[in-house]
Amino acid sequence: MARYTQKPLDISKVLAHSTLASQQQQVGLVQQLNKVLAEVLQLEQLSFCQVSCIRDGRAVILCASAPWLTSLKMQRDAILDNFRRKILPDLAGIEIEASPNGQISRLQLPVAQKNSHQLSDSAASALRLLAQNSEGPLKQALLKLAQNADTQQPNSKKTKPG
């Protein structure tokens, strides 16, 4: 058998220089900037504006409408000062823009969808057979899976024993 000459590397060190790491870092930075922006504007939640990205060393703030754009431009110095003091001391400036569609999209994590796959009747019967030869929590889990297979197929023909 051949031996490996390289030692395994820590995954965080491998990914540290990847584009994924830089994207993750930028998202974290934007979230921090949004928190500070909410503090400056004395709001619990930003519904009309948000820091969307950092472009060329400048934070880009998107607003939902022109009146909010004007209001934020009047507070530009206070916002920039807070961003520099609390998060990014070397921030070159901020750009405040109106969103083209008038809506601010929220950063959301994808919600896990329920499994839409259906088990066949033969898979359900195989699970029941396994459950007969099992004990305890495994038996209960197998029976529950088999039962879910039955409830997912409303058009399947079920015959009563006897």
N, C-alpha and C. Protein backbone atom coordinates (compact mmCIF):
# COMPACT_ATOMS: atom_id res chain seq x y z
N MET A 1 0.84 -1.19 0.00
CA MET A 1 0.00 0.00 0.00
C MET A 1 0.87 1.24 0.00
N ALA A 2 0.45 2.22 -0.75
CA ALA A 2 1.19 3.47 -0.80
C ALA A 2 0.80 4.35 0.38
N ARG A 3 1.77 5.04 0.91
CA ARG A 3 1.49 5.95 2.01
C ARG A 3 1.41 7.37 1.48
N TYR A 4 0.55 8.12 2.11
CA TYR A 4 0.44 9.52 1.73
C TYR A 4 1.57 10.30 2.40
N THR A 5 2.21 11.14 1.64
CA THR A 5 3.32 11.92 2.18
C THR A 5 2.87 13.26 2.73
N GLN A 6 1.69 13.71 2.35
CA GLN A 6 1.20 14.99 2.86
C GLN A 6 0.25 14.75 4.02
N LYS A 7 0.38 15.63 5.01
CA LYS A 7 -0.53 15.55 6.15
C LYS A 7 -1.84 16.24 5.78
N PRO A 8 -2.94 15.80 6.36
CA PRO A 8 -4.23 16.45 6.08
C PRO A 8 -4.19 17.90 6.57
N LEU A 9 -4.84 18.78 5.82
CA LEU A 9 -4.88 20.19 6.17
C LEU A 9 -6.20 20.53 6.83
N ASP A 10 -6.15 21.52 7.68
CA ASP A 10 -7.36 22.02 8.31
C ASP A 10 -8.22 22.69 7.25
N ILE A 11 -9.52 22.39 7.23
CA ILE A 11 -10.41 22.90 6.19
C ILE A 11 -10.48 24.42 6.21
N SER A 12 -10.40 25.03 7.40
CA SER A 12 -10.45 26.48 7.47
C SER A 12 -9.23 27.12 6.80
N LYS A 13 -8.08 26.44 6.88
CA LYS A 13 -6.88 26.97 6.21
C LYS A 13 -6.98 26.80 4.71
N VAL A 14 -7.60 25.72 4.27
CA VAL A 14 -7.74 25.49 2.83
C VAL A 14 -8.69 26.52 2.22
N LEU A 15 -9.78 26.80 2.92
CA LEU A 15 -10.79 27.72 2.39
C LEU A 15 -10.50 29.18 2.68
N ALA A 16 -9.47 29.47 3.47
CA ALA A 16 -9.18 30.84 3.87
C ALA A 16 -8.90 31.76 2.69
N HIS A 17 -8.34 31.24 1.63
CA HIS A 17 -7.99 32.08 0.48
C HIS A 17 -8.93 31.88 -0.70
N SER A 18 -10.08 31.28 -0.46
CA SER A 18 -11.01 31.03 -1.56
C SER A 18 -11.99 32.19 -1.71
N THR A 19 -12.71 32.17 -2.81
CA THR A 19 -13.72 33.21 -3.03
C THR A 19 -14.88 33.05 -2.05
N LEU A 20 -15.14 31.83 -1.63
CA LEU A 20 -16.20 31.59 -0.65
C LEU A 20 -15.89 32.32 0.65
N ALA A 21 -14.65 32.27 1.10
CA ALA A 21 -14.27 32.93 2.34
C ALA A 21 -14.42 34.44 2.21
N SER A 22 -14.03 34.98 1.07
CA SER A 22 -14.15 36.44 0.91
C SER A 22 -15.61 36.86 0.83
N GLN A 23 -16.45 36.06 0.18
CA GLN A 23 -17.88 36.36 0.13
C GLN A 23 -18.50 36.30 1.52
N GLN A 24 -18.12 35.29 2.28
CA GLN A 24 -18.63 35.12 3.63
C GLN A 24 -18.21 36.29 4.51
N GLN A 25 -16.99 36.75 4.35
CA GLN A 25 -16.49 37.88 5.11
C GLN A 25 -17.25 39.15 4.73
N GLN A 26 -17.51 39.34 3.44
CA GLN A 26 -18.23 40.54 3.00
C GLN A 26 -19.67 40.53 3.52
N VAL A 27 -20.32 39.37 3.52
CA VAL A 27 -21.69 39.30 4.02
C VAL A 27 -21.73 39.64 5.51
N GLY A 28 -20.77 39.14 6.27
CA GLY A 28 -20.70 39.47 7.69
C GLY A 28 -20.47 40.95 7.92
N LEU A 29 -19.63 41.55 7.09
CA LEU A 29 -19.34 42.97 7.19
C LEU A 29 -20.58 43.80 6.86
N VAL A 30 -21.31 43.41 5.82
CA VAL A 30 -22.53 44.13 5.44
C VAL A 30 -23.58 44.01 6.55
N GLN A 31 -23.68 42.86 7.19
CA GLN A 31 -24.64 42.70 8.29
C GLN A 31 -24.28 43.62 9.45
N GLN A 32 -22.99 43.74 9.76
CA GLN A 32 -22.56 44.63 10.83
C GLN A 32 -22.87 46.08 10.47
N LEU A 33 -22.61 46.45 9.23
CA LEU A 33 -22.90 47.82 8.79
C LEU A 33 -24.40 48.12 8.86
N ASN A 34 -25.23 47.14 8.54
CA ASN A 34 -26.67 47.34 8.65
C ASN A 34 -27.11 47.55 10.09
N LYS A 35 -26.48 46.84 11.03
CA LYS A 35 -26.80 47.04 12.45
C LYS A 35 -26.44 48.45 12.88
N VAL A 36 -25.26 48.92 12.47
CA VAL A 36 -24.83 50.27 12.84
C VAL A 36 -25.73 51.31 12.18
N LEU A 37 -26.13 51.07 10.92
CA LEU A 37 -27.04 51.99 10.23
C LEU A 37 -28.37 52.09 10.98
N ALA A 38 -28.88 50.97 11.46
CA ALA A 38 -30.13 50.98 12.23
C ALA A 38 -29.95 51.76 13.53
N GLU A 39 -28.78 51.63 14.17
CA GLU A 39 -28.52 52.39 15.39
C GLU A 39 -28.47 53.89 15.11
N VAL A 40 -27.81 54.28 14.04
CA VAL A 40 -27.69 55.70 13.69
C VAL A 40 -29.07 56.29 13.40
N LEU A 41 -29.89 55.54 12.68
CA LEU A 41 -31.23 56.01 12.32
C LEU A 41 -32.24 55.78 13.44
N GLN A 42 -31.79 55.18 14.53
CA GLN A 42 -32.62 54.88 15.71
C GLN A 42 -33.86 54.07 15.34
N LEU A 43 -33.61 52.99 14.61
CA LEU A 43 -34.67 52.08 14.20
C LEU A 43 -34.34 50.67 14.68
N GLU A 44 -35.38 49.89 14.94
CA GLU A 44 -35.16 48.49 15.32
C GLU A 44 -34.86 47.64 14.09
N GLN A 45 -35.53 47.95 13.00
CA GLN A 45 -35.36 47.17 11.78
C GLN A 45 -35.36 48.12 10.58
N LEU A 46 -34.44 47.88 9.66
CA LEU A 46 -34.37 48.70 8.45
C LEU A 46 -35.36 48.17 7.44
N SER A 47 -36.38 48.96 7.14
CA SER A 47 -37.37 48.50 6.16
C SER A 47 -37.30 49.30 4.87
N PHE A 48 -36.70 50.48 4.90
CA PHE A 48 -36.68 51.35 3.73
C PHE A 48 -35.30 51.50 3.11
N CYS A 49 -34.27 50.99 3.79
CA CYS A 49 -32.92 51.09 3.24
C CYS A 49 -32.05 49.98 3.83
N GLN A 50 -30.91 49.75 3.17
CA GLN A 50 -29.95 48.76 3.68
C GLN A 50 -28.61 48.96 3.00
N VAL A 51 -27.56 48.55 3.69
CA VAL A 51 -26.24 48.51 3.07
C VAL A 51 -26.25 47.27 2.19
N SER A 52 -26.04 47.46 0.89
CA SER A 52 -26.13 46.32 -0.02
C SER A 52 -24.79 45.65 -0.28
N CYS A 53 -23.71 46.45 -0.35
CA CYS A 53 -22.40 45.86 -0.61
C CYS A 53 -21.31 46.90 -0.31
N ILE A 54 -20.08 46.45 -0.44
CA ILE A 54 -18.94 47.35 -0.34
C ILE A 54 -18.25 47.30 -1.70
N ARG A 55 -18.24 48.44 -2.38
CA ARG A 55 -17.69 48.50 -3.73
C ARG A 55 -16.58 49.54 -3.76
N ASP A 56 -15.39 49.13 -4.14
CA ASP A 56 -14.23 50.02 -4.25
C ASP A 56 -13.96 50.77 -2.94
N GLY A 57 -14.10 50.10 -1.82
CA GLY A 57 -13.81 50.71 -0.53
C GLY A 57 -14.90 51.63 -0.03
N ARG A 58 -16.05 51.64 -0.70
CA ARG A 58 -17.17 52.49 -0.30
C ARG A 58 -18.39 51.62 -0.01
N ALA A 59 -19.08 51.95 1.07
CA ALA A 59 -20.31 51.23 1.41
C ALA A 59 -21.44 51.78 0.55
N VAL A 60 -22.21 50.88 -0.07
CA VAL A 60 -23.33 51.28 -0.93
C VAL A 60 -24.63 51.04 -0.17
N ILE A 61 -25.39 52.12 0.04
CA ILE A 61 -26.67 52.03 0.74
C ILE A 61 -27.78 52.21 -0.28
N LEU A 62 -28.69 51.26 -0.35
CA LEU A 62 -29.84 51.34 -1.25
C LEU A 62 -31.07 51.79 -0.47
N CYS A 63 -31.83 52.73 -1.06
CA CYS A 63 -33.05 53.24 -0.45
C CYS A 63 -34.24 52.86 -1.31
N ALA A 64 -35.40 52.75 -0.68
CA ALA A 64 -36.60 52.34 -1.40
C ALA A 64 -37.24 53.49 -2.16
N SER A 65 -36.96 54.74 -1.76
CA SER A 65 -37.62 55.87 -2.43
C SER A 65 -36.72 57.10 -2.38
N ALA A 66 -37.08 58.08 -3.20
CA ALA A 66 -36.31 59.32 -3.27
C ALA A 66 -36.36 60.12 -1.96
N PRO A 67 -37.50 60.21 -1.27
CA PRO A 67 -37.49 60.94 0.01
C PRO A 67 -36.53 60.34 1.04
N TRP A 68 -36.47 59.01 1.10
CA TRP A 68 -35.53 58.38 2.03
C TRP A 68 -34.10 58.63 1.57
N LEU A 69 -33.88 58.66 0.28
CA LEU A 69 -32.56 58.95 -0.26
C LEU A 69 -32.10 60.34 0.21
N THR A 70 -32.98 61.32 0.12
CA THR A 70 -32.65 62.67 0.55
C THR A 70 -32.38 62.73 2.05
N SER A 71 -33.21 62.03 2.80
CA SER A 71 -33.04 62.01 4.25
C SER A 71 -31.69 61.40 4.64
N LEU A 72 -31.32 60.30 3.99
CA LEU A 72 -30.03 59.67 4.30
C LEU A 72 -28.85 60.51 3.85
N LYS A 73 -29.00 61.21 2.74
CA LYS A 73 -27.92 62.08 2.28
C LYS A 73 -27.66 63.21 3.28
N MET A 74 -28.71 63.67 3.95
CA MET A 74 -28.53 64.71 4.96
C MET A 74 -27.81 64.16 6.19
N GLN A 75 -27.89 62.84 6.41
CA GLN A 75 -27.23 62.21 7.56
C GLN A 75 -25.95 61.50 7.17
N ARG A 76 -25.48 61.72 5.95
CA ARG A 76 -24.31 61.02 5.41
C ARG A 76 -23.10 61.10 6.33
N ASP A 77 -22.78 62.29 6.84
CA ASP A 77 -21.58 62.45 7.67
C ASP A 77 -21.67 61.64 8.97
N ALA A 78 -22.85 61.63 9.60
CA ALA A 78 -23.03 60.87 10.84
C ALA A 78 -22.93 59.37 10.58
N ILE A 79 -23.50 58.93 9.47
CA ILE A 79 -23.45 57.50 9.12
C ILE A 79 -22.02 57.08 8.84
N LEU A 80 -21.31 57.85 8.03
CA LEU A 80 -19.93 57.54 7.70
C LEU A 80 -19.05 57.53 8.94
N ASP A 81 -19.25 58.52 9.81
CA ASP A 81 -18.46 58.60 11.04
C ASP A 81 -18.68 57.36 11.90
N ASN A 82 -19.93 56.91 12.04
CA ASN A 82 -20.22 55.71 12.84
C ASN A 82 -19.65 54.45 12.20
N PHE A 83 -19.76 54.34 10.88
CA PHE A 83 -19.19 53.18 10.19
C PHE A 83 -17.68 53.11 10.44
N ARG A 84 -17.01 54.26 10.32
CA ARG A 84 -15.56 54.28 10.51
C ARG A 84 -15.18 54.01 11.96
N ARG A 85 -15.94 54.57 12.89
CA ARG A 85 -15.60 54.42 14.31
C ARG A 85 -15.87 53.00 14.81
N LYS A 86 -16.93 52.38 14.36
CA LYS A 86 -17.34 51.09 14.93
C LYS A 86 -16.88 49.87 14.14
N ILE A 87 -16.72 49.99 12.82
CA ILE A 87 -16.45 48.79 12.03
C ILE A 87 -15.24 48.94 11.11
N LEU A 88 -15.29 49.87 10.19
CA LEU A 88 -14.24 49.99 9.16
C LEU A 88 -13.56 51.35 9.23
N PRO A 89 -12.43 51.45 9.93
CA PRO A 89 -11.75 52.74 10.03
C PRO A 89 -11.24 53.26 8.69
N ASP A 90 -10.95 52.36 7.75
CA ASP A 90 -10.40 52.79 6.46
C ASP A 90 -11.46 52.88 5.36
N LEU A 91 -12.73 52.99 5.72
CA LEU A 91 -13.80 53.12 4.73
C LEU A 91 -13.65 54.44 3.99
N ALA A 92 -13.60 54.39 2.66
CA ALA A 92 -13.36 55.58 1.85
C ALA A 92 -14.56 56.52 1.84
N GLY A 93 -15.75 55.98 1.91
CA GLY A 93 -16.95 56.81 1.88
C GLY A 93 -18.18 55.94 1.74
N ILE A 94 -19.31 56.61 1.54
CA ILE A 94 -20.56 55.88 1.32
C ILE A 94 -21.25 56.44 0.08
N GLU A 95 -21.92 55.57 -0.61
CA GLU A 95 -22.75 55.96 -1.75
C GLU A 95 -24.18 55.63 -1.39
N ILE A 96 -25.06 56.57 -1.55
CA ILE A 96 -26.48 56.36 -1.25
C ILE A 96 -27.24 56.41 -2.56
N GLU A 97 -27.91 55.34 -2.89
CA GLU A 97 -28.60 55.23 -4.18
C GLU A 97 -30.05 54.81 -3.96
N ALA A 98 -30.91 55.19 -4.89
CA ALA A 98 -32.29 54.73 -4.86
C ALA A 98 -32.37 53.39 -5.58
N SER A 99 -33.11 52.46 -5.02
CA SER A 99 -33.28 51.15 -5.63
C SER A 99 -34.11 51.32 -6.90
N PRO A 100 -33.68 50.73 -8.01
CA PRO A 100 -34.39 50.93 -9.27
C PRO A 100 -35.84 50.45 -9.24
N ASN A 101 -36.10 49.38 -8.53
CA ASN A 101 -37.48 48.85 -8.50
C ASN A 101 -38.26 49.33 -7.28
N GLY A 102 -37.64 50.15 -6.44
CA GLY A 102 -38.35 50.70 -5.29
C GLY A 102 -38.49 49.74 -4.13
N GLN A 103 -37.91 48.57 -4.24
CA GLN A 103 -38.00 47.59 -3.16
C GLN A 103 -36.60 47.23 -2.70
N ILE A 104 -36.49 46.97 -1.43
CA ILE A 104 -35.22 46.56 -0.85
C ILE A 104 -35.32 45.06 -0.58
N SER A 105 -34.44 44.29 -1.19
CA SER A 105 -34.47 42.85 -0.97
C SER A 105 -33.72 42.53 0.32
N ARG A 106 -34.29 41.71 1.12
CA ARG A 106 -33.70 41.31 2.39
C ARG A 106 -32.78 40.14 2.18
N LEU A 107 -31.68 40.13 2.91
CA LEU A 107 -30.81 38.95 2.90
C LEU A 107 -31.51 37.86 3.69
N GLN A 108 -31.81 36.77 3.04
CA GLN A 108 -32.50 35.67 3.71
C GLN A 108 -31.77 34.38 3.43
N LEU A 109 -31.76 33.55 4.43
CA LEU A 109 -31.19 32.23 4.25
C LEU A 109 -32.25 31.34 3.62
N PRO A 110 -31.86 30.45 2.74
CA PRO A 110 -32.86 29.58 2.14
C PRO A 110 -33.50 28.66 3.18
N VAL A 111 -34.80 28.55 3.11
CA VAL A 111 -35.54 27.71 4.04
C VAL A 111 -35.57 26.29 3.48
N ALA A 112 -35.30 25.35 4.34
CA ALA A 112 -35.28 23.96 3.90
C ALA A 112 -36.69 23.53 3.50
N GLN A 113 -36.79 22.95 2.34
CA GLN A 113 -38.07 22.46 1.83
C GLN A 113 -38.32 21.06 2.37
N LYS A 114 -39.61 20.74 2.53
CA LYS A 114 -39.93 19.38 2.94
C LYS A 114 -39.59 18.43 1.80
N ASN A 115 -39.20 17.24 2.16
CA ASN A 115 -38.84 16.25 1.17
C ASN A 115 -40.08 15.85 0.38
N SER A 116 -40.04 16.04 -0.92
CA SER A 116 -41.21 15.74 -1.74
C SER A 116 -41.12 14.35 -2.38
N HIS A 117 -40.06 13.62 -2.11
CA HIS A 117 -39.90 12.29 -2.69
C HIS A 117 -40.87 11.32 -2.01
N GLN A 118 -41.39 10.43 -2.80
CA GLN A 118 -42.32 9.44 -2.26
C GLN A 118 -41.67 8.07 -2.29
N LEU A 119 -41.94 7.32 -1.25
CA LEU A 119 -41.45 5.96 -1.19
C LEU A 119 -42.43 5.03 -1.91
N SER A 120 -41.89 4.06 -2.55
CA SER A 120 -42.75 3.08 -3.22
C SER A 120 -43.33 2.12 -2.19
N ASP A 121 -44.32 1.37 -2.62
CA ASP A 121 -44.93 0.38 -1.73
C ASP A 121 -43.91 -0.69 -1.32
N SER A 122 -43.04 -1.06 -2.24
CA SER A 122 -42.05 -2.09 -1.92
C SER A 122 -41.04 -1.55 -0.89
N ALA A 123 -40.68 -0.26 -0.98
CA ALA A 123 -39.77 0.32 0.01
C ALA A 123 -40.43 0.38 1.37
N ALA A 124 -41.72 0.71 1.40
CA ALA A 124 -42.44 0.77 2.67
C ALA A 124 -42.54 -0.62 3.30
N SER A 125 -42.80 -1.63 2.49
CA SER A 125 -42.88 -2.99 3.05
C SER A 125 -41.50 -3.47 3.51
N ALA A 126 -40.44 -3.06 2.82
CA ALA A 126 -39.09 -3.43 3.25
C ALA A 126 -38.77 -2.76 4.59
N LEU A 127 -39.23 -1.53 4.77
CA LEU A 127 -39.02 -0.85 6.06
C LEU A 127 -39.78 -1.56 7.18
N ARG A 128 -41.00 -1.99 6.88
CA ARG A 128 -41.78 -2.71 7.91
C ARG A 128 -41.10 -4.03 8.28
N LEU A 129 -40.54 -4.71 7.28
CA LEU A 129 -39.84 -5.97 7.52
C LEU A 129 -38.60 -5.74 8.39
N LEU A 130 -37.87 -4.69 8.10
CA LEU A 130 -36.72 -4.35 8.93
C LEU A 130 -37.14 -4.00 10.35
N ALA A 131 -38.29 -3.30 10.48
CA ALA A 131 -38.76 -2.90 11.80
C ALA A 131 -39.12 -4.12 12.64
N GLN A 132 -39.62 -5.18 12.00
CA GLN A 132 -39.97 -6.40 12.74
C GLN A 132 -38.74 -7.03 13.37
N ASN A 133 -37.60 -6.90 12.73
CA ASN A 133 -36.36 -7.50 13.24
C ASN A 133 -35.53 -6.53 14.07
N SER A 134 -36.07 -5.35 14.33
CA SER A 134 -35.34 -4.34 15.10
C SER A 134 -36.01 -4.10 16.43
N GLU A 135 -35.33 -3.32 17.27
CA GLU A 135 -35.86 -3.02 18.61
C GLU A 135 -35.74 -1.53 18.91
N GLY A 136 -36.52 -1.08 19.86
CA GLY A 136 -36.39 0.25 20.43
C GLY A 136 -36.63 1.39 19.46
N PRO A 137 -35.80 2.44 19.58
CA PRO A 137 -36.01 3.65 18.78
C PRO A 137 -35.85 3.40 17.27
N LEU A 138 -34.98 2.47 16.89
CA LEU A 138 -34.81 2.16 15.48
C LEU A 138 -36.10 1.59 14.90
N LYS A 139 -36.75 0.71 15.65
CA LYS A 139 -38.00 0.11 15.20
C LYS A 139 -39.07 1.19 15.01
N GLN A 140 -39.14 2.11 15.98
CA GLN A 140 -40.13 3.19 15.88
C GLN A 140 -39.86 4.10 14.67
N ALA A 141 -38.59 4.40 14.43
CA ALA A 141 -38.24 5.27 13.30
C ALA A 141 -38.57 4.60 11.97
N LEU A 142 -38.28 3.31 11.85
CA LEU A 142 -38.58 2.58 10.62
C LEU A 142 -40.08 2.51 10.36
N LEU A 143 -40.85 2.26 11.42
CA LEU A 143 -42.31 2.21 11.28
C LEU A 143 -42.87 3.58 10.89
N LYS A 144 -42.30 4.63 11.45
CA LYS A 144 -42.75 5.98 11.13
C LYS A 144 -42.47 6.30 9.66
N LEU A 145 -41.30 5.91 9.18
CA LEU A 145 -40.98 6.12 7.76
C LEU A 145 -41.95 5.36 6.86
N ALA A 146 -42.23 4.11 7.22
CA ALA A 146 -43.16 3.31 6.42
C ALA A 146 -44.56 3.92 6.46
N GLN A 147 -44.96 4.44 7.60
CA GLN A 147 -46.27 5.08 7.73
C GLN A 147 -46.33 6.34 6.88
N ASN A 148 -45.25 7.12 6.85
CA ASN A 148 -45.21 8.32 6.02
C ASN A 148 -45.32 7.96 4.54
N ALA A 149 -44.76 6.83 4.16
CA ALA A 149 -44.87 6.39 2.77
C ALA A 149 -46.32 6.11 2.41
N ASP A 150 -47.06 5.56 3.37
CA ASP A 150 -48.47 5.27 3.13
C ASP A 150 -49.29 6.56 3.01
N THR A 151 -49.00 7.55 3.86
CA THR A 151 -49.79 8.78 3.85
C THR A 151 -49.45 9.66 2.66
N GLN A 152 -48.28 9.50 2.04
CA GLN A 152 -47.90 10.31 0.89
C GLN A 152 -48.55 9.82 -0.39
N GLN A 153 -49.06 8.62 -0.39
CA GLN A 153 -49.66 8.06 -1.59
C GLN A 153 -51.16 7.87 -1.39
N PRO A 154 -51.94 8.94 -1.58
CA PRO A 154 -53.38 8.81 -1.34
C PRO A 154 -54.08 7.94 -2.36
N ASN A 155 -53.53 7.81 -3.56
CA ASN A 155 -54.19 7.02 -4.60
C ASN A 155 -53.76 5.55 -4.60
N SER A 156 -52.86 5.18 -3.67
CA SER A 156 -52.41 3.79 -3.68
C SER A 156 -53.51 2.89 -3.15
N LYS A 157 -53.54 1.67 -3.68
CA LYS A 157 -54.58 0.72 -3.29
C LYS A 157 -54.11 -0.03 -2.05
N LYS A 158 -54.88 0.16 -0.97
CA LYS A 158 -54.53 -0.52 0.27
C LYS A 158 -55.59 -1.59 0.52
N THR A 159 -55.12 -2.77 0.76
CA THR A 159 -56.06 -3.87 1.03
C THR A 159 -55.96 -4.22 2.50
N LYS A 160 -57.10 -4.52 3.05
CA LYS A 160 -57.13 -4.93 4.45
C LYS A 160 -56.86 -6.41 4.54
N PRO A 161 -56.05 -6.79 5.52
CA PRO A 161 -55.79 -8.23 5.67
C PRO A 161 -57.04 -8.97 6.12
N GLY A 162 -57.22 -10.16 5.58
CA GLY A 162 -58.30 -10.98 6.09
C GLY A 162 -59.28 -11.34 5.14
